[in-house]
């Protein structure tokens, strides 16, 4: 199936604000899966320097697509969101990144599976994390 994900790398004029948004497709065993970009739609970036586009991505049936959106403010604090999509393009889980902590906010799959997927992506992207937490999960 197809999912629409924003890909961005932009900075403010003085370089104080930074936004980086990317995606990663992984298999159930924490290995990278191959995806195909069907179309790149150019959009205006959040900040003046850099580029941004919306990508229409074809997801393999046995893979999950994880979109990561990180922002840095002038005080060098990094905040972000992590979204997990299934092969149909539906959001399965959402996590937030604040103060070097990743907290699972909502999920539509088992808590353990969502935790494993988020931990796998954080490890693959080498994002520094001190602590993981779970707020709400249905299962």
Protein backbone atom coordinates (compact mmCIF):
# COMPACT_ATOMS: atom_id res chain seq x y z
CA UNK A 1 0.00 0.00 0.00
CA UNK A 2 0.94 3.67 -0.13
CA UNK A 3 1.67 6.12 2.66
CA UNK A 4 2.36 9.85 2.51
CA UNK A 5 5.33 10.98 4.61
CA UNK A 6 6.99 14.38 4.97
CA UNK A 7 10.74 14.51 4.40
CA UNK A 8 12.43 17.72 5.47
CA UNK A 9 15.79 19.16 6.44
CA UNK A 10 15.61 22.88 7.11
CA UNK A 11 17.21 25.50 9.34
CA UNK A 12 16.35 29.08 10.23
CA UNK A 13 18.30 32.00 8.78
CA UNK A 14 20.59 32.28 11.79
CA UNK A 15 20.79 28.52 12.29
CA UNK A 16 19.11 28.52 15.71
CA UNK A 17 16.08 26.42 14.76
CA UNK A 18 16.42 23.08 12.95
CA UNK A 19 13.83 20.60 11.72
CA UNK A 20 14.61 17.14 10.40
CA UNK A 21 11.90 14.75 9.25
CA UNK A 22 12.63 11.38 7.69
CA UNK A 23 11.26 7.85 7.40
CA UNK A 24 12.52 4.31 7.74
CA UNK A 25 10.95 1.02 6.68
CA UNK A 26 11.68 -1.97 8.88
CA UNK A 27 10.67 -5.59 8.93
CA UNK A 28 9.25 -7.42 11.92
CA UNK A 29 12.74 -8.66 12.85
CA UNK A 30 14.25 -5.13 13.04
CA UNK A 31 15.89 -5.31 9.63
CA UNK A 32 15.62 -2.56 7.04
CA UNK A 33 13.04 -3.18 4.35
CA UNK A 34 13.18 -1.80 0.83
CA UNK A 35 10.58 0.76 -0.18
CA UNK A 36 9.82 2.49 -3.42
CA UNK A 37 9.14 6.20 -3.67
CA UNK A 38 6.30 6.68 -6.12
CA UNK A 39 6.22 10.47 -6.15
CA UNK A 40 7.93 13.43 -4.52
CA UNK A 41 5.68 16.46 -4.04
CA UNK A 42 7.67 19.61 -3.22
CA UNK A 43 6.32 21.64 -0.27
CA UNK A 44 7.52 24.74 1.54
CA UNK A 45 9.95 23.93 4.37
CA UNK A 46 9.29 25.09 7.91
CA UNK A 47 12.40 27.30 7.97
CA UNK A 48 13.98 29.42 5.25
CA UNK A 49 17.07 27.33 4.45
CA UNK A 50 16.69 23.78 3.27
CA UNK A 51 14.21 21.67 1.40
CA UNK A 52 11.05 19.67 2.05
CA UNK A 53 8.78 17.35 0.13
CA UNK A 54 5.97 14.90 0.71
CA UNK A 55 6.87 11.41 -0.46
CA UNK A 56 4.36 8.82 -1.55
CA UNK A 57 5.94 5.56 -0.45
CA UNK A 58 4.96 2.04 -1.34
CA UNK A 59 5.28 -0.15 1.76
CA UNK A 60 5.89 -3.91 1.44
CA UNK A 61 3.12 -6.05 3.01
CA UNK A 62 5.34 -7.48 5.77
CA UNK A 63 7.05 -4.19 6.76
CA UNK A 64 6.30 -1.21 8.96
CA UNK A 65 7.00 2.40 8.03
CA UNK A 66 8.33 4.66 10.79
CA UNK A 67 8.28 8.44 10.33
CA UNK A 68 10.55 10.49 12.61
CA UNK A 69 10.15 14.27 13.01
CA UNK A 70 12.74 16.07 15.17
CA UNK A 71 12.97 19.78 16.02
CA UNK A 72 15.70 21.70 17.81
CA UNK A 73 15.07 25.10 19.43
CA UNK A 74 17.59 27.91 20.15
CA UNK A 75 18.35 26.46 23.58
CA UNK A 76 19.52 23.24 21.87
CA UNK A 77 16.59 21.20 23.25
CA UNK A 78 15.44 18.49 20.88
CA UNK A 79 11.82 17.39 20.69
CA UNK A 80 10.28 14.99 18.29
CA UNK A 81 7.54 12.61 17.27
CA UNK A 82 7.76 9.05 16.02
CA UNK A 83 4.87 7.54 14.03
CA UNK A 84 4.55 3.86 13.10
CA UNK A 85 2.46 3.00 10.00
CA UNK A 86 1.39 -0.43 8.80
CA UNK A 87 1.47 -1.54 5.17
CA UNK A 88 -2.03 -0.11 4.61
CA UNK A 89 -0.90 3.37 5.70
CA UNK A 90 -2.79 3.44 9.03
CA UNK A 91 -1.10 4.83 12.14
CA UNK A 92 -0.37 1.98 14.56
CA UNK A 93 1.62 3.83 17.23
CA UNK A 94 2.86 7.27 18.19
CA UNK A 95 5.70 8.18 20.52
CA UNK A 96 7.16 11.50 21.66
CA UNK A 97 10.81 12.34 22.28
CA UNK A 98 11.50 14.88 25.04
CA UNK A 99 14.56 15.38 27.29
CA UNK A 100 16.33 12.27 25.94
CA UNK A 101 13.27 10.15 26.79
CA UNK A 102 10.98 8.29 24.43
CA UNK A 103 7.40 7.87 25.65
CA UNK A 104 4.85 5.72 23.84
CA UNK A 105 1.70 7.86 23.78
CA UNK A 106 -0.79 5.80 21.80
CA UNK A 107 -0.81 2.47 20.05
CA UNK A 108 -3.21 0.18 18.26
CA UNK A 109 -1.05 -2.90 18.58
CA UNK A 110 0.44 -4.68 21.54
CA UNK A 111 2.51 -2.56 23.89
CA UNK A 112 5.51 -4.86 23.59
CA UNK A 113 5.47 -4.84 19.78
CA UNK A 114 5.19 -1.05 19.64
CA UNK A 115 8.01 -0.70 22.16
CA UNK A 116 10.24 -3.07 20.19
CA UNK A 117 9.64 -1.24 16.90
CA UNK A 118 10.32 2.18 18.40
CA UNK A 119 13.45 0.93 20.18
CA UNK A 120 14.69 -0.67 16.97
CA UNK A 121 14.26 2.56 14.98
CA UNK A 122 15.91 4.68 17.66
CA UNK A 123 18.88 2.31 17.66
CA UNK A 124 19.12 2.27 13.85
CA UNK A 125 19.02 6.08 13.63
CA UNK A 126 21.43 6.42 16.60
CA UNK A 127 19.20 8.83 18.52
CA UNK A 128 20.47 9.30 22.10
CA UNK A 129 17.94 7.97 24.64
CA UNK A 130 18.27 7.58 28.40
CA UNK A 131 14.86 6.16 29.21
CA UNK A 132 11.82 4.58 27.56
CA UNK A 133 8.30 4.91 28.93
CA UNK A 134 4.75 3.86 28.15
CA UNK A 135 1.76 6.07 28.73
CA UNK A 136 -1.28 4.41 27.14
CA UNK A 137 -1.81 1.29 25.09
CA UNK A 138 -5.00 -0.61 24.45
CA UNK A 139 -3.55 -4.11 24.53
